[in-house]
């Protein structure tokens, strides 16, 4: 790739990423797919004027990141709900009411194989 098709970009944490021009990134998509199929998950970062604006990553990685983001958002909601409940001097409420407020299904089967004695 010619040197002017790729620009280093310094991130706030001091790391550096290489930003590929958007037009070139489009041409590289078939090669990226082949890399992903062989297990290489290094992202393709692209944008114009040397600024990162988009990223191409393997689908499986995107799914894992999405699940982590949902987990974290869910954790924040659960944490705030628990803090509010603990700070409330009112009497305890039935577990079914708490589960409904948190969106839990108490009848859902869970995989507890990691917790069973071996």
C-alpha atoms as a PDB file:
ATOM      1  CA  UNK A   1       0.000   0.000   0.000  1.00  0.00           C
ATOM      2  CA  UNK A   2       1.445   3.423  -0.874  1.00  0.00           C
ATOM      3  CA  UNK A   3       2.467   5.453   2.196  1.00  0.00           C
ATOM      4  CA  UNK A   4      -0.118   8.177   1.570  1.00  0.00           C
ATOM      5  CA  UNK A   5      -2.982   5.609   1.758  1.00  0.00           C
ATOM      6  CA  UNK A   6      -2.312   4.979   5.452  1.00  0.00           C
ATOM      7  CA  UNK A   7      -1.913   7.574   8.211  1.00  0.00           C
ATOM      8  CA  UNK A   8      -0.818   7.044  11.831  1.00  0.00           C
ATOM      9  CA  UNK A   9      -3.301   8.386  14.384  1.00  0.00           C
ATOM     10  CA  UNK A  10      -2.400   8.899  18.050  1.00  0.00           C
ATOM     11  CA  UNK A  11      -5.139   7.859  20.478  1.00  0.00           C
ATOM     12  CA  UNK A  12      -5.731   9.691  23.790  1.00  0.00           C
ATOM     13  CA  UNK A  13      -4.173   6.782  25.730  1.00  0.00           C
ATOM     14  CA  UNK A  14      -0.948   7.091  23.710  1.00  0.00           C
ATOM     15  CA  UNK A  15      -1.569   4.086  21.474  1.00  0.00           C
ATOM     16  CA  UNK A  16      -1.216   4.532  17.746  1.00  0.00           C
ATOM     17  CA  UNK A  17      -3.481   3.105  15.057  1.00  0.00           C
ATOM     18  CA  UNK A  18      -3.098   3.208  11.295  1.00  0.00           C
ATOM     19  CA  UNK A  19      -6.012   4.782   9.451  1.00  0.00           C
ATOM     20  CA  UNK A  20      -6.570   3.681   5.857  1.00  0.00           C
ATOM     21  CA  UNK A  21      -8.302   5.991   3.390  1.00  0.00           C
ATOM     22  CA  UNK A  22     -11.952   5.070   2.948  1.00  0.00           C
ATOM     23  CA  UNK A  23     -11.659   4.392  -0.800  1.00  0.00           C
ATOM     24  CA  UNK A  24      -8.757   2.015  -0.205  1.00  0.00           C
ATOM     25  CA  UNK A  25     -10.590   0.277   2.663  1.00  0.00           C
ATOM     26  CA  UNK A  26     -13.413  -0.629   0.286  1.00  0.00           C
ATOM     27  CA  UNK A  27     -10.940  -2.269  -2.068  1.00  0.00           C
ATOM     28  CA  UNK A  28      -9.429  -4.247   0.837  1.00  0.00           C
ATOM     29  CA  UNK A  29     -12.685  -5.859   2.015  1.00  0.00           C
ATOM     30  CA  UNK A  30     -12.174  -9.161   0.134  1.00  0.00           C
ATOM     31  CA  UNK A  31      -8.682  -9.476   1.650  1.00  0.00           C
ATOM     32  CA  UNK A  32     -10.053  -8.670   5.105  1.00  0.00           C
ATOM     33  CA  UNK A  33     -12.645 -11.413   4.757  1.00  0.00           C
ATOM     34  CA  UNK A  34      -9.928 -13.914   3.876  1.00  0.00           C
ATOM     35  CA  UNK A  35      -7.883 -12.804   6.919  1.00  0.00           C
ATOM     36  CA  UNK A  36     -10.909 -13.191   9.192  1.00  0.00           C
ATOM     37  CA  UNK A  37     -11.548 -16.682   7.812  1.00  0.00           C
ATOM     38  CA  UNK A  38      -8.006 -17.703   8.783  1.00  0.00           C
ATOM     39  CA  UNK A  39      -8.522 -16.453  12.349  1.00  0.00           C
ATOM     40  CA  UNK A  40      -6.782 -13.073  12.062  1.00  0.00           C
ATOM     41  CA  UNK A  41      -9.007 -10.590  13.895  1.00  0.00           C
ATOM     42  CA  UNK A  42      -6.919  -7.436  13.513  1.00  0.00           C
ATOM     43  CA  UNK A  43      -9.359  -4.656  12.576  1.00  0.00           C
ATOM     44  CA  UNK A  44      -9.338  -2.503   9.464  1.00  0.00           C
ATOM     45  CA  UNK A  45      -9.564   1.111  10.650  1.00  0.00           C
ATOM     46  CA  UNK A  46     -10.550   3.623   8.012  1.00  0.00           C
ATOM     47  CA  UNK A  47     -11.492   7.249   7.573  1.00  0.00           C
ATOM     48  CA  UNK A  48     -10.599  10.403   5.740  1.00  0.00           C
ATOM     49  CA  UNK A  49      -7.997  13.038   6.578  1.00  0.00           C
ATOM     50  CA  UNK A  50      -6.209  10.547   8.847  1.00  0.00           C
ATOM     51  CA  UNK A  51      -9.097  10.454  11.340  1.00  0.00           C
ATOM     52  CA  UNK A  52     -10.500   7.040  12.355  1.00  0.00           C
ATOM     53  CA  UNK A  53     -14.196   6.953  11.464  1.00  0.00           C
ATOM     54  CA  UNK A  54     -15.013   3.280  10.964  1.00  0.00           C
ATOM     55  CA  UNK A  55     -13.743  -0.184  11.806  1.00  0.00           C
ATOM     56  CA  UNK A  56     -14.197  -3.559  10.130  1.00  0.00           C
ATOM     57  CA  UNK A  57     -13.949  -6.489  12.546  1.00  0.00           C
ATOM     58  CA  UNK A  58     -14.907 -10.180  12.397  1.00  0.00           C
ATOM     59  CA  UNK A  59     -18.599 -10.847  12.999  1.00  0.00           C
ATOM     60  CA  UNK A  60     -17.908 -13.169  15.967  1.00  0.00           C
ATOM     61  CA  UNK A  61     -15.878 -10.447  17.650  1.00  0.00           C
ATOM     62  CA  UNK A  62     -18.686  -7.951  17.079  1.00  0.00           C
ATOM     63  CA  UNK A  63     -21.157 -10.379  18.686  1.00  0.00           C
ATOM     64  CA  UNK A  64     -18.919 -10.778  21.757  1.00  0.00           C
ATOM     65  CA  UNK A  65     -18.487  -7.014  22.076  1.00  0.00           C
ATOM     66  CA  UNK A  66     -22.219  -6.468  21.741  1.00  0.00           C
ATOM     67  CA  UNK A  67     -22.902  -9.034  24.476  1.00  0.00           C
ATOM     68  CA  UNK A  68     -20.380  -7.366  26.773  1.00  0.00           C
ATOM     69  CA  UNK A  69     -21.930  -3.950  26.175  1.00  0.00           C
ATOM     70  CA  UNK A  70     -25.409  -5.269  26.959  1.00  0.00           C
ATOM     71  CA  UNK A  71     -24.075  -6.999  30.079  1.00  0.00           C
ATOM     72  CA  UNK A  72     -22.462  -3.789  31.278  1.00  0.00           C
ATOM     73  CA  UNK A  73     -25.595  -1.728  30.630  1.00  0.00           C
ATOM     74  CA  UNK A  74     -27.620  -4.394  32.424  1.00  0.00           C
ATOM     75  CA  UNK A  75     -25.175  -4.355  35.329  1.00  0.00           C
ATOM     76  CA  UNK A  76     -25.500  -0.592  35.684  1.00  0.00           C
ATOM     77  CA  UNK A  77     -29.289  -0.908  35.801  1.00  0.00           C
ATOM     78  CA  UNK A  78     -29.133  -3.735  38.360  1.00  0.00           C
ATOM     79  CA  UNK A  79     -26.597  -1.871  40.488  1.00  0.00           C
ATOM     80  CA  UNK A  80     -28.710   1.298  40.572  1.00  0.00           C
ATOM     81  CA  UNK A  81     -31.851  -0.681  41.371  1.00  0.00           C
ATOM     82  CA  UNK A  82     -30.084  -2.531  44.197  1.00  0.00           C
ATOM     83  CA  UNK A  83     -28.662   0.724  45.621  1.00  0.00           C
ATOM     84  CA  UNK A  84     -32.100   2.356  45.521  1.00  0.00           C
ATOM     85  CA  UNK A  85     -33.699  -0.658  47.200  1.00  0.00           C
ATOM     86  CA  UNK A  86     -31.045  -0.856  49.930  1.00  0.00           C
ATOM     87  CA  UNK A  87     -31.381   2.854  50.662  1.00  0.00           C
ATOM     88  CA  UNK A  88     -35.180   2.573  50.945  1.00  0.00           C
ATOM     89  CA  UNK A  89     -36.247   2.065  54.598  1.00  0.00           C
ATOM     90  CA  UNK A  90     -39.465   0.318  53.506  1.00  0.00           C
ATOM     91  CA  UNK A  91     -40.007  -3.349  54.400  1.00  0.00           C
ATOM     92  CA  UNK A  92     -38.666  -6.050  52.107  1.00  0.00           C
ATOM     93  CA  UNK A  93     -40.615  -6.999  49.006  1.00  0.00           C
ATOM     94  CA  UNK A  94     -41.208 -10.477  47.602  1.00  0.00           C
ATOM     95  CA  UNK A  95     -38.443 -11.833  45.372  1.00  0.00           C
ATOM     96  CA  UNK A  96     -40.995 -12.188  42.549  1.00  0.00           C
ATOM     97  CA  UNK A  97     -41.564  -8.405  42.604  1.00  0.00           C
ATOM     98  CA  UNK A  98     -37.825  -7.714  42.531  1.00  0.00           C
ATOM     99  CA  UNK A  99     -37.354 -10.182  39.668  1.00  0.00           C
ATOM    100  CA  UNK A 100     -40.143  -8.512  37.694  1.00  0.00           C
ATOM    101  CA  UNK A 101     -38.580  -5.084  38.247  1.00  0.00           C
ATOM    102  CA  UNK A 102     -35.186  -6.348  37.074  1.00  0.00           C
ATOM    103  CA  UNK A 103     -36.612  -8.262  34.137  1.00  0.00           C
ATOM    104  CA  UNK A 104     -35.603 -11.687  35.422  1.00  0.00           C
ATOM    105  CA  UNK A 105     -37.535 -14.877  34.700  1.00  0.00           C
ATOM    106  CA  UNK A 106     -37.301 -16.967  37.865  1.00  0.00           C
ATOM    107  CA  UNK A 107     -38.513 -20.052  35.956  1.00  0.00           C
ATOM    108  CA  UNK A 108     -35.753 -19.852  33.327  1.00  0.00           C
ATOM    109  CA  UNK A 109     -33.402 -22.822  33.308  1.00  0.00           C
ATOM    110  CA  UNK A 110     -29.806 -21.724  33.889  1.00  0.00           C
ATOM    111  CA  UNK A 111     -26.600 -23.500  32.956  1.00  0.00           C
ATOM    112  CA  UNK A 112     -25.050 -24.139  36.361  1.00  0.00           C
ATOM    113  CA  UNK A 113     -22.547 -26.751  35.173  1.00  0.00           C
ATOM    114  CA  UNK A 114     -19.637 -24.522  36.235  1.00  0.00           C
ATOM    115  CA  UNK A 115     -20.884 -24.628  39.840  1.00  0.00           C
ATOM    116  CA  UNK A 116     -21.546 -28.355  40.188  1.00  0.00           C
ATOM    117  CA  UNK A 117     -18.981 -30.452  42.057  1.00  0.00           C
ATOM    118  CA  UNK A 118     -16.887 -32.562  39.739  1.00  0.00           C
END
